Amino acid sequence: RLNQSTKIIGDLVYPGFYPTILGDTSRIEQ
């Protein structure tokens, strides 16, 4: 959830790191 949150620095916007999340957004394990 923290890594997928949007980060704004000045006039720069950094969306979540992953393109999208399918289903539960608590953790990833592969």
PDB file of all heavy atoms in Angstrom:
ATOM      1  N   ARG A   1       0.835  -1.211   0.000  1.00  0.00           N
ATOM      2  CA  ARG A   1       0.000   0.000   0.000  1.00  0.00           C
ATOM      3  C   ARG A   1       0.867   1.258   0.000  1.00  0.00           C
ATOM      4  O   ARG A   1       0.573   2.233  -0.697  1.00  0.00           O
ATOM      5  CB  ARG A   1      -0.945  -0.016   1.203  1.00  0.00           C
ATOM      6  CG  ARG A   1      -2.058  -1.055   1.096  1.00  0.00           C
ATOM      7  CD  ARG A   1      -3.111  -0.840   2.171  1.00  0.00           C
ATOM      8  NE  ARG A   1      -4.188  -1.822   2.056  1.00  0.00           N
ATOM      9  CZ  ARG A   1      -4.235  -2.942   2.770  1.00  0.00           C
ATOM     10  NH1 ARG A   1      -3.278  -3.196   3.659  1.00  0.00           N
ATOM     11  NH2 ARG A   1      -5.226  -3.792   2.612  1.00  0.00           N
ATOM     12  N   LEU A   2       1.932   1.247   0.797  1.00  0.00           N
ATOM     13  CA  LEU A   2       2.839   2.396   0.832  1.00  0.00           C
ATOM     14  C   LEU A   2       3.554   2.566  -0.500  1.00  0.00           C
ATOM     15  O   LEU A   2       3.658   3.688  -1.027  1.00  0.00           O
ATOM     16  CB  LEU A   2       3.856   2.209   1.957  1.00  0.00           C
ATOM     17  CG  LEU A   2       4.976   3.256   2.046  1.00  0.00           C
ATOM     18  CD1 LEU A   2       4.384   4.637   2.325  1.00  0.00           C
ATOM     19  CD2 LEU A   2       5.985   2.871   3.108  1.00  0.00           C
ATOM     20  N   ASN A   3       4.038   1.483  -1.076  1.00  0.00           N
ATOM     21  CA  ASN A   3       4.777   1.573  -2.334  1.00  0.00           C
ATOM     22  C   ASN A   3       3.885   1.931  -3.514  1.00  0.00           C
ATOM     23  O   ASN A   3       4.378   2.434  -4.531  1.00  0.00           O
ATOM     24  CB  ASN A   3       5.484   0.242  -2.613  1.00  0.00           C
ATOM     25  CG  ASN A   3       6.581  -0.046  -1.606  1.00  0.00           C
ATOM     26  OD1 ASN A   3       7.238   0.870  -1.120  1.00  0.00           O
ATOM     27  ND2 ASN A   3       6.766  -1.317  -1.269  1.00  0.00           N
ATOM     28  N   GLN A   4       2.597   1.670  -3.379  1.00  0.00           N
ATOM     29  CA  GLN A   4       1.668   1.969  -4.464  1.00  0.00           C
ATOM     30  C   GLN A   4       1.029   3.337  -4.303  1.00  0.00           C
ATOM     31  O   GLN A   4       0.267   3.769  -5.168  1.00  0.00           O
ATOM     32  CB  GLN A   4       0.590   0.874  -4.535  1.00  0.00           C
ATOM     33  CG  GLN A   4      -0.186   0.808  -5.835  1.00  0.00           C
ATOM     34  CD  GLN A   4       0.688   0.498  -7.048  1.00  0.00           C
ATOM     35  OE1 GLN A   4       1.862   0.202  -6.933  1.00  0.00           O
ATOM     36  NE2 GLN A   4       0.105   0.580  -8.242  1.00  0.00           N
ATOM     37  N   SER A   5       1.339   4.044  -3.237  1.00  0.00           N
ATOM     38  CA  SER A   5       0.758   5.376  -3.021  1.00  0.00           C
ATOM     39  C   SER A   5       1.422   6.403  -3.930  1.00  0.00           C
ATOM     40  O   SER A   5       2.598   6.277  -4.289  1.00  0.00           O
ATOM     41  CB  SER A   5       0.913   5.790  -1.556  1.00  0.00           C
ATOM     42  OG  SER A   5       2.286   5.893  -1.207  1.00  0.00           O
ATOM     43  N   THR A   6       0.669   7.436  -4.300  1.00  0.00           N
ATOM     44  CA  THR A   6       1.181   8.512  -5.146  1.00  0.00           C
ATOM     45  C   THR A   6       2.065   9.444  -4.321  1.00  0.00           C
ATOM     46  O   THR A   6       1.727   9.808  -3.196  1.00  0.00           O
ATOM     47  CB  THR A   6       0.021   9.301  -5.763  1.00  0.00           C
ATOM     48  OG1 THR A   6      -0.779   8.429  -6.563  1.00  0.00           O
ATOM     49  CG2 THR A   6       0.540  10.445  -6.625  1.00  0.00           C
ATOM     50  N   LYS A   7       3.202   9.833  -4.902  1.00  0.00           N
ATOM     51  CA  LYS A   7       4.139  10.728  -4.231  1.00  0.00           C
ATOM     52  C   LYS A   7       4.287  11.990  -5.053  1.00  0.00           C
ATOM     53  O   LYS A   7       4.525  11.927  -6.265  1.00  0.00           O
ATOM     54  CB  LYS A   7       5.482  10.025  -4.030  1.00  0.00           C
ATOM     55  CG  LYS A   7       5.385   8.765  -3.173  1.00  0.00           C
ATOM     56  CD  LYS A   7       6.678   7.991  -3.149  1.00  0.00           C
ATOM     57  CE  LYS A   7       6.560   6.741  -2.266  1.00  0.00           C
ATOM     58  NZ  LYS A   7       5.572   5.779  -2.813  1.00  0.00           N
ATOM     59  N   ILE A   8       4.140  13.144  -4.407  1.00  0.00           N
ATOM     60  CA  ILE A   8       4.219  14.444  -5.077  1.00  0.00           C
ATOM     61  C   ILE A   8       5.433  15.193  -4.549  1.00  0.00           C
ATOM     62  O   ILE A   8       5.573  15.404  -3.340  1.00  0.00           O
ATOM     63  CB  ILE A   8       2.936  15.260  -4.844  1.00  0.00           C
ATOM     64  CG1 ILE A   8       1.714  14.502  -5.388  1.00  0.00           C
ATOM     65  CG2 ILE A   8       3.050  16.636  -5.513  1.00  0.00           C
ATOM     66  CD1 ILE A   8       0.401  15.187  -5.111  1.00  0.00           C
ATOM     67  N   ILE A   9       6.320  15.573  -5.452  1.00  0.00           N
ATOM     68  CA  ILE A   9       7.527  16.316  -5.098  1.00  0.00           C
ATOM     69  C   ILE A   9       7.569  17.559  -5.967  1.00  0.00           C
ATOM     70  O   ILE A   9       7.830  17.488  -7.175  1.00  0.00           O
ATOM     71  CB  ILE A   9       8.789  15.463  -5.301  1.00  0.00           C
ATOM     72  CG1 ILE A   9       8.698  14.174  -4.487  1.00  0.00           C
ATOM     73  CG2 ILE A   9      10.039  16.246  -4.946  1.00  0.00           C
ATOM     74  CD1 ILE A   9       9.802  13.195  -4.761  1.00  0.00           C
ATOM     75  N   GLY A  10       7.292  18.715  -5.353  1.00  0.00           N
ATOM     76  CA  GLY A  10       7.188  19.946  -6.124  1.00  0.00           C
ATOM     77  C   GLY A  10       6.065  19.830  -7.132  1.00  0.00           C
ATOM     78  O   GLY A  10       4.918  19.526  -6.772  1.00  0.00           O
ATOM     79  N   ASP A  11       6.397  20.037  -8.389  1.00  0.00           N
ATOM     80  CA  ASP A  11       5.383  19.881  -9.440  1.00  0.00           C
ATOM     81  C   ASP A  11       5.473  18.522 -10.122  1.00  0.00           C
ATOM     82  O   ASP A  11       4.834  18.291 -11.149  1.00  0.00           O
ATOM     83  CB  ASP A  11       5.523  20.990 -10.479  1.00  0.00           C
ATOM     84  CG  ASP A  11       6.908  21.010 -11.118  1.00  0.00           C
ATOM     85  OD1 ASP A  11       7.794  20.282 -10.635  1.00  0.00           O
ATOM     86  OD2 ASP A  11       7.092  21.764 -12.102  1.00  0.00           O
ATOM     87  N   LEU A  12       6.266  17.612  -9.542  1.00  0.00           N
ATOM     88  CA  LEU A  12       6.401  16.275 -10.096  1.00  0.00           C
ATOM     89  C   LEU A  12       5.481  15.304  -9.371  1.00  0.00           C
ATOM     90  O   LEU A  12       5.396  15.328  -8.140  1.00  0.00           O
ATOM     91  CB  LEU A  12       7.850  15.792  -9.984  1.00  0.00           C
ATOM     92  CG  LEU A  12       8.914  16.637 -10.695  1.00  0.00           C
ATOM     93  CD1 LEU A  12      10.298  16.065 -10.433  1.00  0.00           C
ATOM     94  CD2 LEU A  12       8.641  16.702 -12.193  1.00  0.00           C
ATOM     95  N   VAL A  13       4.805  14.462 -10.124  1.00  0.00           N
ATOM     96  CA  VAL A  13       3.893  13.472  -9.565  1.00  0.00           C
ATOM     97  C   VAL A  13       4.405  12.084  -9.911  1.00  0.00           C
ATOM     98  O   VAL A  13       4.606  11.756 -11.090  1.00  0.00           O
ATOM     99  CB  VAL A  13       2.462  13.652 -10.098  1.00  0.00           C
ATOM    100  CG1 VAL A  13       1.541  12.572  -9.530  1.00  0.00           C
ATOM    101  CG2 VAL A  13       1.929  15.034  -9.750  1.00  0.00           C
ATOM    102  N   TYR A  14       4.623  11.261  -8.882  1.00  0.00           N
ATOM    103  CA  TYR A  14       5.066   9.882  -9.060  1.00  0.00           C
ATOM    104  C   TYR A  14       3.936   8.959  -8.631  1.00  0.00           C
ATOM    105  O   TYR A  14       3.651   8.841  -7.443  1.00  0.00           O
ATOM    106  CB  TYR A  14       6.327   9.601  -8.239  1.00  0.00           C
ATOM    107  CG  TYR A  14       7.563  10.244  -8.797  1.00  0.00           C
ATOM    108  CD1 TYR A  14       7.846  11.579  -8.535  1.00  0.00           C
ATOM    109  CD2 TYR A  14       8.437   9.528  -9.609  1.00  0.00           C
ATOM    110  CE1 TYR A  14       8.980  12.179  -9.064  1.00  0.00           C
ATOM    111  CE2 TYR A  14       9.572  10.119 -10.136  1.00  0.00           C
ATOM    112  CZ  TYR A  14       9.835  11.451  -9.865  1.00  0.00           C
ATOM    113  OH  TYR A  14      10.952  12.044 -10.391  1.00  0.00           O
ATOM    114  N   PRO A  15       3.263   8.321  -9.606  1.00  0.00           N
ATOM    115  CA  PRO A  15       2.177   7.399  -9.241  1.00  0.00           C
ATOM    116  C   PRO A  15       2.739   6.151  -8.576  1.00  0.00           C
ATOM    117  O   PRO A  15       3.955   6.001  -8.417  1.00  0.00           O
ATOM    118  CB  PRO A  15       1.526   7.078 -10.590  1.00  0.00           C
ATOM    119  CG  PRO A  15       2.623   7.279 -11.592  1.00  0.00           C
ATOM    120  CD  PRO A  15       3.478   8.392 -11.053  1.00  0.00           C
ATOM    121  N   GLY A  16       1.860   5.229  -8.183  1.00  0.00           N
ATOM    122  CA  GLY A  16       2.305   3.978  -7.590  1.00  0.00           C
ATOM    123  C   GLY A  16       3.322   3.270  -8.463  1.00  0.00           C
ATOM    124  O   GLY A  16       3.309   3.393  -9.694  1.00  0.00           O
ATOM    125  N   PHE A  17       4.221   2.507  -7.840  1.00  0.00           N
ATOM    126  CA  PHE A  17       5.328   1.907  -8.580  1.00  0.00           C
ATOM    127  C   PHE A  17       4.842   0.883  -9.594  1.00  0.00           C
ATOM    128  O   PHE A  17       5.357   0.817 -10.715  1.00  0.00           O
ATOM    129  CB  PHE A  17       6.297   1.249  -7.601  1.00  0.00           C
ATOM    130  CG  PHE A  17       7.500   0.641  -8.266  1.00  0.00           C
ATOM    131  CD1 PHE A  17       8.576   1.426  -8.634  1.00  0.00           C
ATOM    132  CD2 PHE A  17       7.541  -0.719  -8.544  1.00  0.00           C
ATOM    133  CE1 PHE A  17       9.682   0.876  -9.268  1.00  0.00           C
ATOM    134  CE2 PHE A  17       8.639  -1.279  -9.171  1.00  0.00           C
ATOM    135  CZ  PHE A  17       9.707  -0.479  -9.536  1.00  0.00           C
ATOM    136  N   TYR A  18       3.854   0.072  -9.237  1.00  0.00           N
ATOM    137  CA  TYR A  18       3.374  -0.985 -10.124  1.00  0.00           C
ATOM    138  C   TYR A  18       2.281  -0.439 -11.032  1.00  0.00           C
ATOM    139  O   TYR A  18       1.496   0.430 -10.627  1.00  0.00           O
ATOM    140  CB  TYR A  18       2.845  -2.159  -9.313  1.00  0.00           C
ATOM    141  CG  TYR A  18       3.839  -2.701  -8.307  1.00  0.00           C
ATOM    142  CD1 TYR A  18       3.742  -2.359  -6.952  1.00  0.00           C
ATOM    143  CD2 TYR A  18       4.879  -3.539  -8.693  1.00  0.00           C
ATOM    144  CE1 TYR A  18       4.638  -2.850  -6.017  1.00  0.00           C
ATOM    145  CE2 TYR A  18       5.785  -4.030  -7.767  1.00  0.00           C
ATOM    146  CZ  TYR A  18       5.665  -3.674  -6.428  1.00  0.00           C
ATOM    147  OH  TYR A  18       6.558  -4.152  -5.509  1.00  0.00           O
ATOM    148  N   PRO A  19       2.184  -0.949 -12.270  1.00  0.00           N
ATOM    149  CA  PRO A  19       1.161  -0.445 -13.199  1.00  0.00           C
ATOM    150  C   PRO A  19      -0.251  -0.578 -12.655  1.00  0.00           C
ATOM    151  O   PRO A  19      -1.074   0.324 -12.801  1.00  0.00           O
ATOM    152  CB  PRO A  19       1.365  -1.314 -14.453  1.00  0.00           C
ATOM    153  CG  PRO A  19       2.760  -1.814 -14.357  1.00  0.00           C
ATOM    154  CD  PRO A  19       3.050  -1.968 -12.904  1.00  0.00           C
ATOM    155  N   THR A  20      -0.546  -1.714 -12.014  1.00  0.00           N
ATOM    156  CA  THR A  20      -1.876  -1.943 -11.457  1.00  0.00           C
ATOM    157  C   THR A  20      -1.787  -3.066 -10.437  1.00  0.00           C
ATOM    158  O   THR A  20      -0.808  -3.819 -10.409  1.00  0.00           O
ATOM    159  CB  THR A  20      -2.883  -2.319 -12.560  1.00  0.00           C
ATOM    160  OG1 THR A  20      -4.190  -2.411 -11.991  1.00  0.00           O
ATOM    161  CG2 THR A  20      -2.519  -3.652 -13.196  1.00  0.00           C
ATOM    162  N   ILE A  21      -2.800  -3.166  -9.588  1.00  0.00           N
ATOM    163  CA  ILE A  21      -2.864  -4.236  -8.605  1.00  0.00           C
ATOM    164  C   ILE A  21      -4.167  -4.997  -8.822  1.00  0.00           C
ATOM    165  O   ILE A  21      -5.256  -4.398  -8.842  1.00  0.00           O
ATOM    166  CB  ILE A  21      -2.805  -3.703  -7.159  1.00  0.00           C
ATOM    167  CG1 ILE A  21      -1.512  -2.922  -6.937  1.00  0.00           C
ATOM    168  CG2 ILE A  21      -2.907  -4.850  -6.160  1.00  0.00           C
ATOM    169  CD1 ILE A  21      -0.263  -3.751  -7.055  1.00  0.00           C
ATOM    170  N   LEU A  22      -4.068  -6.307  -8.975  1.00  0.00           N
ATOM    171  CA  LEU A  22      -5.243  -7.145  -9.180  1.00  0.00           C
ATOM    172  C   LEU A  22      -5.646  -7.754  -7.841  1.00  0.00           C
ATOM    173  O   LEU A  22      -4.977  -8.635  -7.323  1.00  0.00           O
ATOM    174  CB  LEU A  22      -4.944  -8.255 -10.193  1.00  0.00           C
ATOM    175  CG  LEU A  22      -4.380  -7.793 -11.549  1.00  0.00           C
ATOM    176  CD1 LEU A  22      -3.997  -8.991 -12.412  1.00  0.00           C
ATOM    177  CD2 LEU A  22      -5.390  -6.909 -12.267  1.00  0.00           C
ATOM    178  N   GLY A  23      -6.726  -7.250  -7.252  1.00  0.00           N
ATOM    179  CA  GLY A  23      -7.217  -7.814  -5.991  1.00  0.00           C
ATOM    180  C   GLY A  23      -6.608  -7.145  -4.779  1.00  0.00           C
ATOM    181  O   GLY A  23      -6.365  -5.934  -4.745  1.00  0.00           O
ATOM    182  N   ASP A  24      -6.325  -7.949  -3.764  1.00  0.00           N
ATOM    183  CA  ASP A  24      -5.842  -7.480  -2.468  1.00  0.00           C
ATOM    184  C   ASP A  24      -4.571  -6.635  -2.616  1.00  0.00           C
ATOM    185  O   ASP A  24      -3.668  -6.986  -3.368  1.00  0.00           O
ATOM    186  CB  ASP A  24      -5.569  -8.686  -1.565  1.00  0.00           C
ATOM    187  CG  ASP A  24      -5.035  -8.275  -0.205  1.00  0.00           C
ATOM    188  OD1 ASP A  24      -5.805  -7.722   0.581  1.00  0.00           O
ATOM    189  OD2 ASP A  24      -3.840  -8.510   0.037  1.00  0.00           O
ATOM    190  N   THR A  25      -4.516  -5.522  -1.879  1.00  0.00           N
ATOM    191  CA  THR A  25      -3.394  -4.591  -2.001  1.00  0.00           C
ATOM    192  C   THR A  25      -2.487  -4.594  -0.770  1.00  0.00           C
ATOM    193  O   THR A  25      -1.772  -3.629  -0.517  1.00  0.00           O
ATOM    194  CB  THR A  25      -3.919  -3.166  -2.233  1.00  0.00           C
ATOM    195  OG1 THR A  25      -4.752  -2.783  -1.123  1.00  0.00           O
ATOM    196  CG2 THR A  25      -4.710  -3.074  -3.516  1.00  0.00           C
ATOM    197  N   SER A  26      -2.493  -5.676   0.013  1.00  0.00           N
ATOM    198  CA  SER A  26      -1.711  -5.687   1.247  1.00  0.00           C
ATOM    199  C   SER A  26      -0.254  -6.074   1.011  1.00  0.00           C
ATOM    200  O   SER A  26       0.649  -5.502   1.613  1.00  0.00           O
ATOM    201  CB  SER A  26      -2.344  -6.643   2.263  1.00  0.00           C
ATOM    202  OG  SER A  26      -2.394  -7.962   1.735  1.00  0.00           O
ATOM    203  N   ARG A  27       0.008  -7.056   0.138  1.00  0.00           N
ATOM    204  CA  ARG A  27       1.386  -7.510  -0.072  1.00  0.00           C
ATOM    205  C   ARG A  27       1.492  -8.284  -1.383  1.00  0.00           C
ATOM    206  O   ARG A  27       0.478  -8.700  -1.973  1.00  0.00           O
ATOM    207  CB  ARG A  27       1.864  -8.393   1.089  1.00  0.00           C
ATOM    208  CG  ARG A  27       1.159  -9.748   1.172  1.00  0.00           C
ATOM    209  CD  ARG A  27       1.468 -10.477   2.476  1.00  0.00           C
ATOM    210  NE  ARG A  27       2.887 -10.814   2.591  1.00  0.00           N
ATOM    211  CZ  ARG A  27       3.380 -12.002   2.240  1.00  0.00           C
ATOM    212  NH1 ARG A  27       2.586 -12.944   1.753  1.00  0.00           N
ATOM    213  NH2 ARG A  27       4.657 -12.258   2.382  1.00  0.00           N
ATOM    214  N   ILE A  28       2.739  -8.483  -1.834  1.00  0.00           N
ATOM    215  CA  ILE A  28       3.031  -9.295  -3.017  1.00  0.00           C
ATOM    216  C   ILE A  28       4.024 -10.376  -2.616  1.00  0.00           C
ATOM    217  O   ILE A  28       5.020 -10.103  -1.940  1.00  0.00           O
ATOM    218  CB  ILE A  28       3.638  -8.453  -4.159  1.00  0.00           C
ATOM    219  CG1 ILE A  28       2.622  -7.441  -4.687  1.00  0.00           C
ATOM    220  CG2 ILE A  28       4.116  -9.353  -5.296  1.00  0.00           C
ATOM    221  CD1 ILE A  28       3.194  -6.523  -5.751  1.00  0.00           C
ATOM    222  N   GLU A  29       3.750 -11.591  -3.044  1.00  0.00           N
ATOM    223  CA  GLU A  29       4.687 -12.693  -2.859  1.00  0.00           C
ATOM    224  C   GLU A  29       4.714 -13.526  -4.127  1.00  0.00           C
ATOM    225  O   GLU A  29       3.660 -13.962  -4.613  1.00  0.00           O
ATOM    226  CB  GLU A  29       4.304 -13.564  -1.665  1.00  0.00           C
ATOM    227  CG  GLU A  29       5.307 -14.676  -1.392  1.00  0.00           C
ATOM    228  CD  GLU A  29       4.902 -15.551  -0.222  1.00  0.00           C
ATOM    229  OE1 GLU A  29       3.749 -15.436   0.247  1.00  0.00           O
ATOM    230  OE2 GLU A  29       5.730 -16.377   0.214  1.00  0.00           O
ATOM    231  N   GLN A  30       5.889 -13.728  -4.694  1.00  0.00           N
ATOM    232  CA  GLN A  30       6.049 -14.465  -5.940  1.00  0.00           C
ATOM    233  C   GLN A  30       7.199 -15.447  -5.782  1.00  0.00           C
ATOM    234  O   GLN A  30       8.293 -15.073  -5.343  1.00  0.00           O
ATOM    235  CB  GLN A  30       6.340 -13.493  -7.087  1.00  0.00           C
ATOM    236  CG  GLN A  30       6.141 -14.072  -8.470  1.00  0.00           C
ATOM    237  CD  GLN A  30       4.704 -14.027  -8.931  1.00  0.00           C
ATOM    238  OE1 GLN A  30       3.850 -13.434  -8.273  1.00  0.00           O
ATOM    239  NE2 GLN A  30       4.413 -14.645 -10.065  1.00  0.00           N
TER     240      GLN A  30
END
